[in-house]
């Protein structure tokens, strides 16, 4: 049995990387696809006061439980199901329940820093970076954080200026250089996504090396 294909999808906050990952998964519905998101692996801040949690830099690599993420990637590659954490963004803490993820022919991992982190990057077979204009990303971030994550306008803007933008320039944007494929214009670039899906199907159909 051949090893599953691990596909990493990175990009800045609200760049459309989750949309790309979902479109790839939907286009490969006839295949077994395991999907995990880096956001589920934020460290649990339950022991901190809620006011202190709001000051944490969630765009820095240290905000993630990378050891657990890498462990789960290896478990999926070995054909074992995992129990993915469920993260509550309104409280910045992990839920008591987990989400089972079964192994697949393709493992999709998406997140802002998955190409920056060498230990995660080394597990990947295909590395994707989703690019989008900064003004569109901040507008999407504002909409998402206010509507879906219970933040207020001033907090979102302050967090963007103090944490999101500096971390994007320091970690996320430079990770683009590790990408095999760069998808411009975010998650609405159906032509690029279609080409990516075709390339993944070709990789899945190719005989194992040495056969």
C-alpha atoms as a PDB file:
ATOM      1  CA  UNK A   1       0.000   0.000   0.000  1.00  0.00           C
ATOM      2  CA  UNK A   2       1.427   3.412  -0.979  1.00  0.00           C
ATOM      3  CA  UNK A   3       1.849   6.188   1.548  1.00  0.00           C
ATOM      4  CA  UNK A   4      -0.814   8.930   1.494  1.00  0.00           C
ATOM      5  CA  UNK A   5      -0.047  12.206  -0.243  1.00  0.00           C
ATOM      6  CA  UNK A   6       0.396  15.042   2.263  1.00  0.00           C
ATOM      7  CA  UNK A   7      -0.595  18.452   0.886  1.00  0.00           C
ATOM      8  CA  UNK A   8       0.138  21.604   2.878  1.00  0.00           C
ATOM      9  CA  UNK A   9      -1.819  24.793   2.153  1.00  0.00           C
ATOM     10  CA  UNK A  10      -0.536  28.023   3.712  1.00  0.00           C
ATOM     11  CA  UNK A  11      -1.221  31.727   3.281  1.00  0.00           C
ATOM     12  CA  UNK A  12      -1.928  34.860   5.243  1.00  0.00           C
ATOM     13  CA  UNK A  13      -4.915  35.345   7.492  1.00  0.00           C
ATOM     14  CA  UNK A  14      -8.179  35.403   5.510  1.00  0.00           C
ATOM     15  CA  UNK A  15      -6.294  34.762   2.253  1.00  0.00           C
ATOM     16  CA  UNK A  16      -8.709  32.027   1.177  1.00  0.00           C
ATOM     17  CA  UNK A  17      -6.558  29.023   2.076  1.00  0.00           C
ATOM     18  CA  UNK A  18      -9.434  27.279   3.863  1.00  0.00           C
ATOM     19  CA  UNK A  19     -11.625  27.845   0.808  1.00  0.00           C
ATOM     20  CA  UNK A  20      -8.917  26.346  -1.421  1.00  0.00           C
ATOM     21  CA  UNK A  21      -8.585  23.337   0.879  1.00  0.00           C
ATOM     22  CA  UNK A  22     -12.334  22.737   0.878  1.00  0.00           C
ATOM     23  CA  UNK A  23     -12.607  23.100  -2.901  1.00  0.00           C
ATOM     24  CA  UNK A  24      -9.770  20.599  -3.348  1.00  0.00           C
ATOM     25  CA  UNK A  25     -11.455  18.209  -0.923  1.00  0.00           C
ATOM     26  CA  UNK A  26     -14.813  18.549  -2.708  1.00  0.00           C
ATOM     27  CA  UNK A  27     -13.205  18.022  -6.135  1.00  0.00           C
ATOM     28  CA  UNK A  28     -11.582  14.839  -4.835  1.00  0.00           C
ATOM     29  CA  UNK A  29     -14.775  13.493  -3.286  1.00  0.00           C
ATOM     30  CA  UNK A  30     -14.155  10.128  -4.945  1.00  0.00           C
ATOM     31  CA  UNK A  31     -10.911   9.805  -2.955  1.00  0.00           C
ATOM     32  CA  UNK A  32     -10.378   9.379   0.766  1.00  0.00           C
ATOM     33  CA  UNK A  33      -9.306  12.810   2.001  1.00  0.00           C
ATOM     34  CA  UNK A  34      -8.234  13.544   5.577  1.00  0.00           C
ATOM     35  CA  UNK A  35      -8.483  17.242   6.421  1.00  0.00           C
ATOM     36  CA  UNK A  36      -6.885  18.973   9.398  1.00  0.00           C
ATOM     37  CA  UNK A  37      -6.575  22.670  10.101  1.00  0.00           C
ATOM     38  CA  UNK A  38      -3.717  24.234  12.044  1.00  0.00           C
ATOM     39  CA  UNK A  39      -6.189  26.475  13.910  1.00  0.00           C
ATOM     40  CA  UNK A  40      -7.431  23.427  15.817  1.00  0.00           C
ATOM     41  CA  UNK A  41      -3.973  23.088  17.357  1.00  0.00           C
ATOM     42  CA  UNK A  42      -3.814  26.397  19.202  1.00  0.00           C
ATOM     43  CA  UNK A  43      -2.533  25.896  22.723  1.00  0.00           C
ATOM     44  CA  UNK A  44      -5.228  25.686  25.370  1.00  0.00           C
ATOM     45  CA  UNK A  45      -5.369  28.957  27.350  1.00  0.00           C
ATOM     46  CA  UNK A  46      -8.053  27.822  29.782  1.00  0.00           C
ATOM     47  CA  UNK A  47      -5.820  28.554  32.797  1.00  0.00           C
ATOM     48  CA  UNK A  48      -5.435  32.222  31.795  1.00  0.00           C
ATOM     49  CA  UNK A  49      -7.866  35.009  32.613  1.00  0.00           C
ATOM     50  CA  UNK A  50     -10.020  35.911  29.609  1.00  0.00           C
ATOM     51  CA  UNK A  51      -8.530  39.432  29.547  1.00  0.00           C
ATOM     52  CA  UNK A  52      -5.023  37.959  29.336  1.00  0.00           C
ATOM     53  CA  UNK A  53      -6.027  35.568  26.549  1.00  0.00           C
ATOM     54  CA  UNK A  54      -7.018  38.534  24.411  1.00  0.00           C
ATOM     55  CA  UNK A  55      -3.423  39.805  24.585  1.00  0.00           C
ATOM     56  CA  UNK A  56      -1.819  36.578  23.309  1.00  0.00           C
ATOM     57  CA  UNK A  57      -0.106  36.716  19.920  1.00  0.00           C
ATOM     58  CA  UNK A  58      -2.042  34.002  18.076  1.00  0.00           C
ATOM     59  CA  UNK A  59      -0.067  34.578  14.867  1.00  0.00           C
ATOM     60  CA  UNK A  60       3.291  33.572  16.370  1.00  0.00           C
ATOM     61  CA  UNK A  61       4.538  29.981  15.917  1.00  0.00           C
ATOM     62  CA  UNK A  62       4.641  29.510  19.708  1.00  0.00           C
ATOM     63  CA  UNK A  63       0.843  29.868  19.850  1.00  0.00           C
ATOM     64  CA  UNK A  64       0.456  26.383  18.353  1.00  0.00           C
ATOM     65  CA  UNK A  65       0.900  22.899  19.811  1.00  0.00           C
ATOM     66  CA  UNK A  66       3.128  21.895  16.914  1.00  0.00           C
ATOM     67  CA  UNK A  67       4.322  18.671  18.553  1.00  0.00           C
ATOM     68  CA  UNK A  68       0.761  17.344  18.650  1.00  0.00           C
ATOM     69  CA  UNK A  69       0.108  18.478  15.074  1.00  0.00           C
ATOM     70  CA  UNK A  70       3.198  16.659  13.779  1.00  0.00           C
ATOM     71  CA  UNK A  71       2.316  13.571  15.826  1.00  0.00           C
ATOM     72  CA  UNK A  72      -1.147  13.513  14.281  1.00  0.00           C
ATOM     73  CA  UNK A  73       0.246  13.924  10.761  1.00  0.00           C
ATOM     74  CA  UNK A  74       2.504  10.922  11.277  1.00  0.00           C
ATOM     75  CA  UNK A  75      -0.370   8.895  12.731  1.00  0.00           C
ATOM     76  CA  UNK A  76      -2.487   9.628   9.653  1.00  0.00           C
ATOM     77  CA  UNK A  77       0.414   8.715   7.363  1.00  0.00           C
ATOM     78  CA  UNK A  78       0.653   5.378   9.162  1.00  0.00           C
ATOM     79  CA  UNK A  79      -3.025   4.771   8.455  1.00  0.00           C
ATOM     80  CA  UNK A  80      -4.323   5.488  11.958  1.00  0.00           C
ATOM     81  CA  UNK A  81      -7.279   7.705  12.834  1.00  0.00           C
ATOM     82  CA  UNK A  82      -6.668  10.688  15.114  1.00  0.00           C
ATOM     83  CA  UNK A  83      -8.723  12.681  17.615  1.00  0.00           C
ATOM     84  CA  UNK A  84      -8.272  16.289  16.504  1.00  0.00           C
ATOM     85  CA  UNK A  85      -8.716  19.004  19.143  1.00  0.00           C
ATOM     86  CA  UNK A  86     -11.772  21.239  18.894  1.00  0.00           C
ATOM     87  CA  UNK A  87     -10.905  24.870  19.588  1.00  0.00           C
ATOM     88  CA  UNK A  88     -13.335  27.514  20.813  1.00  0.00           C
ATOM     89  CA  UNK A  89     -12.246  30.868  19.361  1.00  0.00           C
ATOM     90  CA  UNK A  90     -14.645  32.842  21.522  1.00  0.00           C
ATOM     91  CA  UNK A  91     -12.939  31.650  24.722  1.00  0.00           C
ATOM     92  CA  UNK A  92      -9.469  30.799  23.302  1.00  0.00           C
ATOM     93  CA  UNK A  93      -9.612  27.347  24.843  1.00  0.00           C
ATOM     94  CA  UNK A  94     -10.026  23.736  23.792  1.00  0.00           C
ATOM     95  CA  UNK A  95     -13.390  22.073  24.045  1.00  0.00           C
ATOM     96  CA  UNK A  96     -13.634  18.851  26.086  1.00  0.00           C
ATOM     97  CA  UNK A  97     -14.689  16.916  22.968  1.00  0.00           C
ATOM     98  CA  UNK A  98     -12.505  15.995  19.993  1.00  0.00           C
ATOM     99  CA  UNK A  99     -13.186  15.363  16.296  1.00  0.00           C
ATOM    100  CA  UNK A 100     -12.219  12.026  14.776  1.00  0.00           C
ATOM    101  CA  UNK A 101     -10.273  12.252  11.508  1.00  0.00           C
ATOM    102  CA  UNK A 102      -9.867   9.035   9.550  1.00  0.00           C
ATOM    103  CA  UNK A 103      -6.789   8.364   7.390  1.00  0.00           C
ATOM    104  CA  UNK A 104      -6.991   8.956   3.662  1.00  0.00           C
ATOM    105  CA  UNK A 105      -5.267   8.732   0.301  1.00  0.00           C
ATOM    106  CA  UNK A 106      -4.625  12.476   0.659  1.00  0.00           C
ATOM    107  CA  UNK A 107      -3.956  14.396   3.857  1.00  0.00           C
ATOM    108  CA  UNK A 108      -4.770  18.116   3.591  1.00  0.00           C
ATOM    109  CA  UNK A 109      -3.230  20.363   6.235  1.00  0.00           C
ATOM    110  CA  UNK A 110      -3.947  24.108   6.079  1.00  0.00           C
ATOM    111  CA  UNK A 111      -2.889  27.019   8.238  1.00  0.00           C
ATOM    112  CA  UNK A 112      -1.028  30.316   8.242  1.00  0.00           C
ATOM    113  CA  UNK A 113       2.280  28.827   9.389  1.00  0.00           C
ATOM    114  CA  UNK A 114       2.336  25.275   8.044  1.00  0.00           C
ATOM    115  CA  UNK A 115       5.044  26.178   5.498  1.00  0.00           C
ATOM    116  CA  UNK A 116       7.067  28.141   8.033  1.00  0.00           C
ATOM    117  CA  UNK A 117       7.387  25.266  10.506  1.00  0.00           C
ATOM    118  CA  UNK A 118      10.099  22.928   9.247  1.00  0.00           C
ATOM    119  CA  UNK A 119       8.888  19.965  11.274  1.00  0.00           C
ATOM    120  CA  UNK A 120       5.464  20.282   9.627  1.00  0.00           C
ATOM    121  CA  UNK A 121       6.860  21.127   6.190  1.00  0.00           C
ATOM    122  CA  UNK A 122       9.090  18.050   6.215  1.00  0.00           C
ATOM    123  CA  UNK A 123       6.030  15.777   6.337  1.00  0.00           C
ATOM    124  CA  UNK A 124       4.554  17.304   3.162  1.00  0.00           C
ATOM    125  CA  UNK A 125       4.763  16.015  -0.390  1.00  0.00           C
ATOM    126  CA  UNK A 126       3.148  19.077  -1.998  1.00  0.00           C
ATOM    127  CA  UNK A 127       3.383  22.630  -0.639  1.00  0.00           C
ATOM    128  CA  UNK A 128       0.851  25.316  -1.633  1.00  0.00           C
ATOM    129  CA  UNK A 129       0.755  29.030  -0.807  1.00  0.00           C
ATOM    130  CA  UNK A 130      -2.476  30.981  -1.284  1.00  0.00           C
ATOM    131  CA  UNK A 131      -1.804  34.648  -2.035  1.00  0.00           C
ATOM    132  CA  UNK A 132      -4.248  37.548  -1.709  1.00  0.00           C
ATOM    133  CA  UNK A 133      -4.061  41.327  -1.519  1.00  0.00           C
ATOM    134  CA  UNK A 134      -3.592  42.770   1.961  1.00  0.00           C
ATOM    135  CA  UNK A 135      -6.633  45.051   1.794  1.00  0.00           C
ATOM    136  CA  UNK A 136      -8.931  42.142   0.969  1.00  0.00           C
ATOM    137  CA  UNK A 137      -7.447  40.040   3.756  1.00  0.00           C
ATOM    138  CA  UNK A 138      -7.989  42.658   6.455  1.00  0.00           C
ATOM    139  CA  UNK A 139     -11.597  43.227   5.334  1.00  0.00           C
ATOM    140  CA  UNK A 140     -12.277  39.493   5.456  1.00  0.00           C
ATOM    141  CA  UNK A 141     -10.542  39.250   8.840  1.00  0.00           C
ATOM    142  CA  UNK A 142     -12.680  42.048  10.255  1.00  0.00           C
ATOM    143  CA  UNK A 143     -15.883  40.430   9.016  1.00  0.00           C
ATOM    144  CA  UNK A 144     -14.953  36.964  10.290  1.00  0.00           C
ATOM    145  CA  UNK A 145     -13.709  37.980  13.731  1.00  0.00           C
ATOM    146  CA  UNK A 146     -16.653  40.264  14.455  1.00  0.00           C
ATOM    147  CA  UNK A 147     -19.396  37.989  13.110  1.00  0.00           C
ATOM    148  CA  UNK A 148     -18.027  34.543  13.955  1.00  0.00           C
ATOM    149  CA  UNK A 149     -15.624  35.014  16.853  1.00  0.00           C
ATOM    150  CA  UNK A 150     -17.324  37.608  18.995  1.00  0.00           C
ATOM    151  CA  UNK A 151     -14.622  40.296  18.716  1.00  0.00           C
ATOM    152  CA  UNK A 152     -15.289  44.006  18.552  1.00  0.00           C
ATOM    153  CA  UNK A 153     -13.971  46.329  15.847  1.00  0.00           C
ATOM    154  CA  UNK A 154     -11.327  48.063  17.982  1.00  0.00           C
ATOM    155  CA  UNK A 155      -9.920  44.756  19.222  1.00  0.00           C
ATOM    156  CA  UNK A 156      -9.625  43.324  15.697  1.00  0.00           C
ATOM    157  CA  UNK A 157      -7.837  46.432  14.395  1.00  0.00           C
ATOM    158  CA  UNK A 158      -5.501  46.571  17.403  1.00  0.00           C
ATOM    159  CA  UNK A 159      -4.676  42.877  17.084  1.00  0.00           C
ATOM    160  CA  UNK A 160      -4.013  43.257  13.369  1.00  0.00           C
ATOM    161  CA  UNK A 161      -1.557  46.119  13.884  1.00  0.00           C
ATOM    162  CA  UNK A 162       0.197  44.621  16.937  1.00  0.00           C
ATOM    163  CA  UNK A 163       0.319  40.958  15.970  1.00  0.00           C
ATOM    164  CA  UNK A 164      -1.175  39.897  12.650  1.00  0.00           C
ATOM    165  CA  UNK A 165       0.671  42.211  10.269  1.00  0.00           C
ATOM    166  CA  UNK A 166       4.140  41.916  11.925  1.00  0.00           C
ATOM    167  CA  UNK A 167       3.848  38.114  12.097  1.00  0.00           C
ATOM    168  CA  UNK A 168       2.692  37.989   8.484  1.00  0.00           C
ATOM    169  CA  UNK A 169       5.755  39.939   7.382  1.00  0.00           C
ATOM    170  CA  UNK A 170       8.092  37.998   9.662  1.00  0.00           C
ATOM    171  CA  UNK A 171       6.869  34.416   9.237  1.00  0.00           C
ATOM    172  CA  UNK A 172       3.990  33.897   6.808  1.00  0.00           C
ATOM    173  CA  UNK A 173       5.054  35.884   3.742  1.00  0.00           C
ATOM    174  CA  UNK A 174       8.638  34.494   3.755  1.00  0.00           C
ATOM    175  CA  UNK A 175       7.249  30.933   3.863  1.00  0.00           C
ATOM    176  CA  UNK A 176       5.979  31.500   0.319  1.00  0.00           C
ATOM    177  CA  UNK A 177       9.480  30.607  -0.866  1.00  0.00           C
ATOM    178  CA  UNK A 178       8.969  27.005   0.281  1.00  0.00           C
ATOM    179  CA  UNK A 179       5.882  26.574  -1.902  1.00  0.00           C
ATOM    180  CA  UNK A 180       5.778  24.304  -4.939  1.00  0.00           C
ATOM    181  CA  UNK A 181       2.698  26.145  -6.210  1.00  0.00           C
ATOM    182  CA  UNK A 182       1.460  29.680  -5.492  1.00  0.00           C
ATOM    183  CA  UNK A 183      -2.247  30.338  -6.040  1.00  0.00           C
ATOM    184  CA  UNK A 184      -2.903  34.060  -6.609  1.00  0.00           C
ATOM    185  CA  UNK A 185      -6.209  35.843  -5.948  1.00  0.00           C
ATOM    186  CA  UNK A 186      -7.200  33.674  -2.990  1.00  0.00           C
ATOM    187  CA  UNK A 187      -9.860  30.995  -2.903  1.00  0.00           C
ATOM    188  CA  UNK A 188     -11.755  32.238  -5.966  1.00  0.00           C
ATOM    189  CA  UNK A 189      -9.066  31.225  -8.459  1.00  0.00           C
ATOM    190  CA  UNK A 190     -10.911  28.189  -9.791  1.00  0.00           C
ATOM    191  CA  UNK A 191      -8.549  27.793 -12.759  1.00  0.00           C
ATOM    192  CA  UNK A 192      -5.514  27.410 -10.490  1.00  0.00           C
ATOM    193  CA  UNK A 193      -7.435  25.159  -8.100  1.00  0.00           C
ATOM    194  CA  UNK A 194      -8.531  22.974 -11.011  1.00  0.00           C
ATOM    195  CA  UNK A 195      -4.935  22.641 -12.168  1.00  0.00           C
ATOM    196  CA  UNK A 196      -3.893  21.733  -8.623  1.00  0.00           C
ATOM    197  CA  UNK A 197      -6.581  19.052  -8.421  1.00  0.00           C
ATOM    198  CA  UNK A 198      -5.405  17.622 -11.752  1.00  0.00           C
ATOM    199  CA  UNK A 199      -1.818  17.494 -10.525  1.00  0.00           C
ATOM    200  CA  UNK A 200      -2.867  15.732  -7.306  1.00  0.00           C
ATOM    201  CA  UNK A 201      -4.854  13.152  -9.255  1.00  0.00           C
ATOM    202  CA  UNK A 202      -1.814  12.511 -11.423  1.00  0.00           C
ATOM    203  CA  UNK A 203       0.339  12.028  -8.318  1.00  0.00           C
ATOM    204  CA  UNK A 204      -2.190   9.584  -6.856  1.00  0.00           C
ATOM    205  CA  UNK A 205      -2.317   7.606 -10.106  1.00  0.00           C
ATOM    206  CA  UNK A 206       1.441   7.401 -10.501  1.00  0.00           C
ATOM    207  CA  UNK A 207       2.992   4.018  -9.578  1.00  0.00           C
ATOM    208  CA  UNK A 208       5.152   3.977  -6.437  1.00  0.00           C
ATOM    209  CA  UNK A 209       8.850   4.717  -6.998  1.00  0.00           C
ATOM    210  CA  UNK A 210      10.714   1.552  -7.869  1.00  0.00           C
ATOM    211  CA  UNK A 211       7.660  -0.284  -9.216  1.00  0.00           C
END
